[in-house]
Each structure stands twice: as C-alpha cells, then as structure tokens.
Amino acid sequence: MIKEDILIKNTIREQREQIVNDALGIVDGLCDGCSQGIISMYDAYIDGLKEGSVTTNG
C-alpha cells in the first residue's frame, strides 16, 4: 500500500528526494554501505516520472 503523502502528485521533487534519502538512511548526502546504483534506481520517482516503492518507517 502506498501512503498518499508520498505520491508524486502530492509532493515536489525536493520532498521525494528526502523521502528516498530517509528510506535509505542517507544523512547529509552520505549513505553508510549503499552504492550509487541503489540510489539511482529511485531517479524516476524523484524526477516525478514513475511512482516508486519506497518503504518508510513513519
């Protein structure tokens, strides 16, 4: 189930980028143990092109 508050239609690019960063545990642009490939797979969601499957704890 996708939460309504993370849908592309309900967010701006900066919010989507923060949603992905929070979900991946990225703090201040640093990701402990994740590769650029993992981050780049969310580019279409961040850019507003495709709904993602980002899981958050909130």
PDB file of N, CA and C in Angstrom:
ATOM      1  N   MET A   1       0.848  -1.186   0.000  1.00  0.00           N
ATOM      2  CA  MET A   1       0.000   0.000   0.000  1.00  0.00           C
ATOM      3  C   MET A   1       0.889   1.243   0.000  1.00  0.00           C
ATOM      4  N   ILE A   2       0.596   2.181  -0.865  1.00  0.00           N
ATOM      5  CA  ILE A   2       1.352   3.427  -0.945  1.00  0.00           C
ATOM      6  C   ILE A   2       0.630   4.493  -0.136  1.00  0.00           C
ATOM      7  N   LYS A   3       1.388   5.158   0.738  1.00  0.00           N
ATOM      8  CA  LYS A   3       0.815   6.250   1.510  1.00  0.00           C
ATOM      9  C   LYS A   3       0.587   7.441   0.587  1.00  0.00           C
ATOM     10  N   GLU A   4      -0.552   8.072   0.704  1.00  0.00           N
ATOM     11  CA  GLU A   4      -0.931   9.195  -0.152  1.00  0.00           C
ATOM     12  C   GLU A   4       0.074  10.345  -0.083  1.00  0.00           C
ATOM     13  N   ASP A   5       0.715  10.552   1.062  1.00  0.00           N
ATOM     14  CA  ASP A   5       1.606  11.701   1.210  1.00  0.00           C
ATOM     15  C   ASP A   5       2.953  11.535   0.520  1.00  0.00           C
ATOM     16  N   ILE A   6       3.244  10.364  -0.072  1.00  0.00           N
ATOM     17  CA  ILE A   6       4.487  10.202  -0.816  1.00  0.00           C
ATOM     18  C   ILE A   6       4.258  10.030  -2.316  1.00  0.00           C
ATOM     19  N   LEU A   7       3.009  10.133  -2.754  1.00  0.00           N
ATOM     20  CA  LEU A   7       2.712  10.034  -4.177  1.00  0.00           C
ATOM     21  C   LEU A   7       3.278  11.243  -4.924  1.00  0.00           C
ATOM     22  N   ILE A   8       3.659  11.028  -6.168  1.00  0.00           N
ATOM     23  CA  ILE A   8       4.212  12.104  -6.992  1.00  0.00           C
ATOM     24  C   ILE A   8       3.268  13.300  -7.049  1.00  0.00           C
ATOM     25  N   LYS A   9       1.986  13.049  -7.223  1.00  0.00           N
ATOM     26  CA  LYS A   9       1.025  14.152  -7.352  1.00  0.00           C
ATOM     27  C   LYS A   9       0.904  14.983  -6.077  1.00  0.00           C
ATOM     28  N   ASN A  10       1.353  14.449  -4.945  1.00  0.00           N
ATOM     29  CA  ASN A  10       1.228  15.145  -3.665  1.00  0.00           C
ATOM     30  C   ASN A  10       2.555  15.680  -3.141  1.00  0.00           C
ATOM     31  N   THR A  11       3.632  15.589  -3.934  1.00  0.00           N
ATOM     32  CA  THR A  11       4.952  16.011  -3.465  1.00  0.00           C
ATOM     33  C   THR A  11       5.680  16.810  -4.535  1.00  0.00           C
ATOM     34  N   ILE A  12       6.660  17.569  -4.084  1.00  0.00           N
ATOM     35  CA  ILE A  12       7.559  18.234  -5.022  1.00  0.00           C
ATOM     36  C   ILE A  12       8.859  17.441  -5.048  1.00  0.00           C
ATOM     37  N   ARG A  13       9.707  17.717  -6.027  1.00  0.00           N
ATOM     38  CA  ARG A  13      10.934  16.954  -6.225  1.00  0.00           C
ATOM     39  C   ARG A  13      11.782  16.881  -4.948  1.00  0.00           C
ATOM     40  N   GLU A  14      11.958  17.999  -4.276  1.00  0.00           N
ATOM     41  CA  GLU A  14      12.787  18.027  -3.070  1.00  0.00           C
ATOM     42  C   GLU A  14      12.223  17.104  -1.990  1.00  0.00           C
ATOM     43  N   GLN A  15      10.907  17.057  -1.874  1.00  0.00           N
ATOM     44  CA  GLN A  15      10.290  16.163  -0.895  1.00  0.00           C
ATOM     45  C   GLN A  15      10.529  14.706  -1.256  1.00  0.00           C
ATOM     46  N   ARG A  16      10.392  14.369  -2.552  1.00  0.00           N
ATOM     47  CA  ARG A  16      10.625  12.988  -2.978  1.00  0.00           C
ATOM     48  C   ARG A  16      12.070  12.574  -2.739  1.00  0.00           C
ATOM     49  N   GLU A  17      13.000  13.489  -2.984  1.00  0.00           N
ATOM     50  CA  GLU A  17      14.411  13.202  -2.734  1.00  0.00           C
ATOM     51  C   GLU A  17      14.633  12.924  -1.248  1.00  0.00           C
ATOM     52  N   GLN A  18      13.999  13.704  -0.391  1.00  0.00           N
ATOM     53  CA  GLN A  18      14.131  13.499   1.054  1.00  0.00           C
ATOM     54  C   GLN A  18      13.482  12.182   1.487  1.00  0.00           C
ATOM     55  N   ILE A  19      12.361  11.829   0.892  1.00  0.00           N
ATOM     56  CA  ILE A  19      11.688  10.563   1.197  1.00  0.00           C
ATOM     57  C   ILE A  19      12.615   9.394   0.891  1.00  0.00           C
ATOM     58  N   VAL A  20      13.258   9.435  -0.282  1.00  0.00           N
ATOM     59  CA  VAL A  20      14.188   8.362  -0.661  1.00  0.00           C
ATOM     60  C   VAL A  20      15.390   8.355   0.277  1.00  0.00           C
ATOM     61  N   ASN A  21      15.953   9.514   0.544  1.00  0.00           N
ATOM     62  CA  ASN A  21      17.107   9.583   1.444  1.00  0.00           C
ATOM     63  C   ASN A  21      16.775   9.026   2.823  1.00  0.00           C
ATOM     64  N   ASP A  22      15.612   9.377   3.342  1.00  0.00           N
ATOM     65  CA  ASP A  22      15.198   8.868   4.652  1.00  0.00           C
ATOM     66  C   ASP A  22      15.028   7.357   4.631  1.00  0.00           C
ATOM     67  N   ALA A  23      14.424   6.852   3.560  1.00  0.00           N
ATOM     68  CA  ALA A  23      14.183   5.413   3.457  1.00  0.00           C
ATOM     69  C   ALA A  23      15.490   4.628   3.348  1.00  0.00           C
ATOM     70  N   LEU A  24      16.492   5.214   2.704  1.00  0.00           N
ATOM     71  CA  LEU A  24      17.775   4.539   2.534  1.00  0.00           C
ATOM     72  C   LEU A  24      18.762   4.837   3.654  1.00  0.00           C
ATOM     73  N   GLY A  25      18.382   5.712   4.569  1.00  0.00           N
ATOM     74  CA  GLY A  25      19.256   6.043   5.686  1.00  0.00           C
ATOM     75  C   GLY A  25      20.378   6.991   5.312  1.00  0.00           C
ATOM     76  N   ILE A  26      20.147   7.834   4.322  1.00  0.00           N
ATOM     77  CA  ILE A  26      21.161   8.783   3.887  1.00  0.00           C
ATOM     78  C   ILE A  26      21.052  10.045   4.729  1.00  0.00           C
ATOM     79  N   VAL A  27      22.173  10.421   5.344  1.00  0.00           N
ATOM     80  CA  VAL A  27      22.220  11.609   6.189  1.00  0.00           C
ATOM     81  C   VAL A  27      23.311  12.524   5.642  1.00  0.00           C
ATOM     82  N   ASP A  28      22.984  13.775   5.393  1.00  0.00           N
ATOM     83  CA  ASP A  28      23.940  14.758   4.870  1.00  0.00           C
ATOM     84  C   ASP A  28      24.631  14.272   3.601  1.00  0.00           C
ATOM     85  N   GLY A  29      23.884  13.581   2.736  1.00  0.00           N
ATOM     86  CA  GLY A  29      24.425  13.111   1.470  1.00  0.00           C
ATOM     87  C   GLY A  29      25.290  11.877   1.557  1.00  0.00           C
ATOM     88  N   LEU A  30      25.425  11.305   2.746  1.00  0.00           N
ATOM     89  CA  LEU A  30      26.252  10.119   2.941  1.00  0.00           C
ATOM     90  C   LEU A  30      25.383   8.911   3.226  1.00  0.00           C
ATOM     91  N   CYS A  31      25.703   7.822   2.588  1.00  0.00           N
ATOM     92  CA  CYS A  31      24.949   6.585   2.783  1.00  0.00           C
ATOM     93  C   CYS A  31      25.904   5.508   3.257  1.00  0.00           C
ATOM     94  N   ASP A  32      25.724   5.050   4.451  1.00  0.00           N
ATOM     95  CA  ASP A  32      26.592   4.042   5.023  1.00  0.00           C
ATOM     96  C   ASP A  32      26.310   2.684   4.392  1.00  0.00           C
ATOM     97  N   GLY A  33      27.203   2.237   3.511  1.00  0.00           N
ATOM     98  CA  GLY A  33      27.085   0.909   2.939  1.00  0.00           C
ATOM     99  C   GLY A  33      26.207   0.775   1.711  1.00  0.00           C
ATOM    100  N   CYS A  34      25.705   1.869   1.140  1.00  0.00           N
ATOM    101  CA  CYS A  34      24.901   1.725  -0.071  1.00  0.00           C
ATOM    102  C   CYS A  34      25.678   2.258  -1.271  1.00  0.00           C
ATOM    103  N   SER A  35      25.372   1.734  -2.424  1.00  0.00           N
ATOM    104  CA  SER A  35      26.088   2.132  -3.637  1.00  0.00           C
ATOM    105  C   SER A  35      25.251   3.101  -4.460  1.00  0.00           C
ATOM    106  N   GLN A  36      25.906   3.781  -5.390  1.00  0.00           N
ATOM    107  CA  GLN A  36      25.209   4.725  -6.268  1.00  0.00           C
ATOM    108  C   GLN A  36      24.120   4.026  -7.073  1.00  0.00           C
ATOM    109  N   GLY A  37      24.319   2.759  -7.414  1.00  0.00           N
ATOM    110  CA  GLY A  37      23.327   2.009  -8.173  1.00  0.00           C
ATOM    111  C   GLY A  37      22.007   1.894  -7.436  1.00  0.00           C
ATOM    112  N   ILE A  38      22.079   1.706  -6.134  1.00  0.00           N
ATOM    113  CA  ILE A  38      20.859   1.616  -5.329  1.00  0.00           C
ATOM    114  C   ILE A  38      20.140   2.959  -5.318  1.00  0.00           C
ATOM    115  N   ILE A  39      20.882   4.013  -5.159  1.00  0.00           N
ATOM    116  CA  ILE A  39      20.288   5.343  -5.117  1.00  0.00           C
ATOM    117  C   ILE A  39      19.687   5.710  -6.471  1.00  0.00           C
ATOM    118  N   SER A  40      20.399   5.405  -7.558  1.00  0.00           N
ATOM    119  CA  SER A  40      19.939   5.804  -8.884  1.00  0.00           C
ATOM    120  C   SER A  40      18.675   5.064  -9.330  1.00  0.00           C
ATOM    121  N   MET A  41      18.373   3.941  -8.716  1.00  0.00           N
ATOM    122  CA  MET A  41      17.158   3.231  -9.122  1.00  0.00           C
ATOM    123  C   MET A  41      15.892   3.995  -8.713  1.00  0.00           C
ATOM    124  N   TYR A  42      16.030   5.006  -7.875  1.00  0.00           N
ATOM    125  CA  TYR A  42      14.892   5.833  -7.471  1.00  0.00           C
ATOM    126  C   TYR A  42      14.802   7.144  -8.252  1.00  0.00           C
ATOM    127  N   ASP A  43      15.689   7.343  -9.241  1.00  0.00           N
ATOM    128  CA  ASP A  43      15.704   8.595 -10.002  1.00  0.00           C
ATOM    129  C   ASP A  43      14.369   8.896 -10.683  1.00  0.00           C
ATOM    130  N   ALA A  44      13.722   7.895 -11.267  1.00  0.00           N
ATOM    131  CA  ALA A  44      12.446   8.126 -11.956  1.00  0.00           C
ATOM    132  C   ALA A  44      11.378   8.622 -10.979  1.00  0.00           C
ATOM    133  N   TYR A  45      11.377   8.097  -9.762  1.00  0.00           N
ATOM    134  CA  TYR A  45      10.434   8.574  -8.746  1.00  0.00           C
ATOM    135  C   TYR A  45      10.785  10.004  -8.340  1.00  0.00           C
ATOM    136  N   ILE A  46      12.049  10.258  -8.046  1.00  0.00           N
ATOM    137  CA  ILE A  46      12.473  11.596  -7.628  1.00  0.00           C
ATOM    138  C   ILE A  46      12.146  12.618  -8.704  1.00  0.00           C
ATOM    139  N   ASP A  47      12.368  12.253  -9.973  1.00  0.00           N
ATOM    140  CA  ASP A  47      12.103  13.160 -11.079  1.00  0.00           C
ATOM    141  C   ASP A  47      10.622  13.273 -11.431  1.00  0.00           C
ATOM    142  N   GLY A  48       9.760  12.504 -10.761  1.00  0.00           N
ATOM    143  CA  GLY A  48       8.325  12.595 -10.984  1.00  0.00           C
ATOM    144  C   GLY A  48       7.836  11.829 -12.194  1.00  0.00           C
ATOM    145  N   LEU A  49       8.604  10.843 -12.650  1.00  0.00           N
ATOM    146  CA  LEU A  49       8.244  10.099 -13.847  1.00  0.00           C
ATOM    147  C   LEU A  49       7.525   8.792 -13.557  1.00  0.00           C
ATOM    148  N   LYS A  50       7.781   8.209 -12.409  1.00  0.00           N
ATOM    149  CA  LYS A  50       7.210   6.899 -12.090  1.00  0.00           C
ATOM    150  C   LYS A  50       7.063   6.772 -10.583  1.00  0.00           C
ATOM    151  N   GLU A  51       5.888   6.294 -10.150  1.00  0.00           N
ATOM    152  CA  GLU A  51       5.693   6.067  -8.727  1.00  0.00           C
ATOM    153  C   GLU A  51       6.670   4.994  -8.262  1.00  0.00           C
ATOM    154  N   GLY A  52       7.239   5.215  -7.109  1.00  0.00           N
ATOM    155  CA  GLY A  52       8.225   4.281  -6.572  1.00  0.00           C
ATOM    156  C   GLY A  52       7.631   3.374  -5.535  1.00  0.00           C
ATOM    157  N   SER A  53       8.458   2.518  -5.056  1.00  0.00           N
ATOM    158  CA  SER A  53       8.089   1.608  -3.983  1.00  0.00           C
ATOM    159  C   SER A  53       9.048   1.852  -2.836  1.00  0.00           C
ATOM    160  N   VAL A  54       8.883   2.995  -2.203  1.00  0.00           N
ATOM    161  CA  VAL A  54       9.753   3.398  -1.109  1.00  0.00           C
ATOM    162  C   VAL A  54       9.047   3.066   0.188  1.00  0.00           C
ATOM    163  N   THR A  55       9.714   2.319   1.028  1.00  0.00           N
ATOM    164  CA  THR A  55       9.153   1.961   2.316  1.00  0.00           C
ATOM    165  C   THR A  55       9.732   2.859   3.384  1.00  0.00           C
ATOM    166  N   THR A  56       8.860   3.456   4.174  1.00  0.00           N
ATOM    167  CA  THR A  56       9.316   4.298   5.276  1.00  0.00           C
ATOM    168  C   THR A  56       8.801   3.734   6.585  1.00  0.00           C
ATOM    169  N   ASN A  57       9.444   4.116   7.637  1.00  0.00           N
ATOM    170  CA  ASN A  57       9.050   3.635   8.959  1.00  0.00           C
ATOM    171  C   ASN A  57       8.005   4.524   9.602  1.00  0.00           C
ATOM    172  N   GLY A  58       7.622   5.604   8.937  1.00  0.00           N
ATOM    173  CA  GLY A  58       6.716   6.554   9.553  1.00  0.00           C
ATOM    174  C   GLY A  58       5.319   6.473   9.140  1.00  0.00           C
TER     175      GLY A  58
END
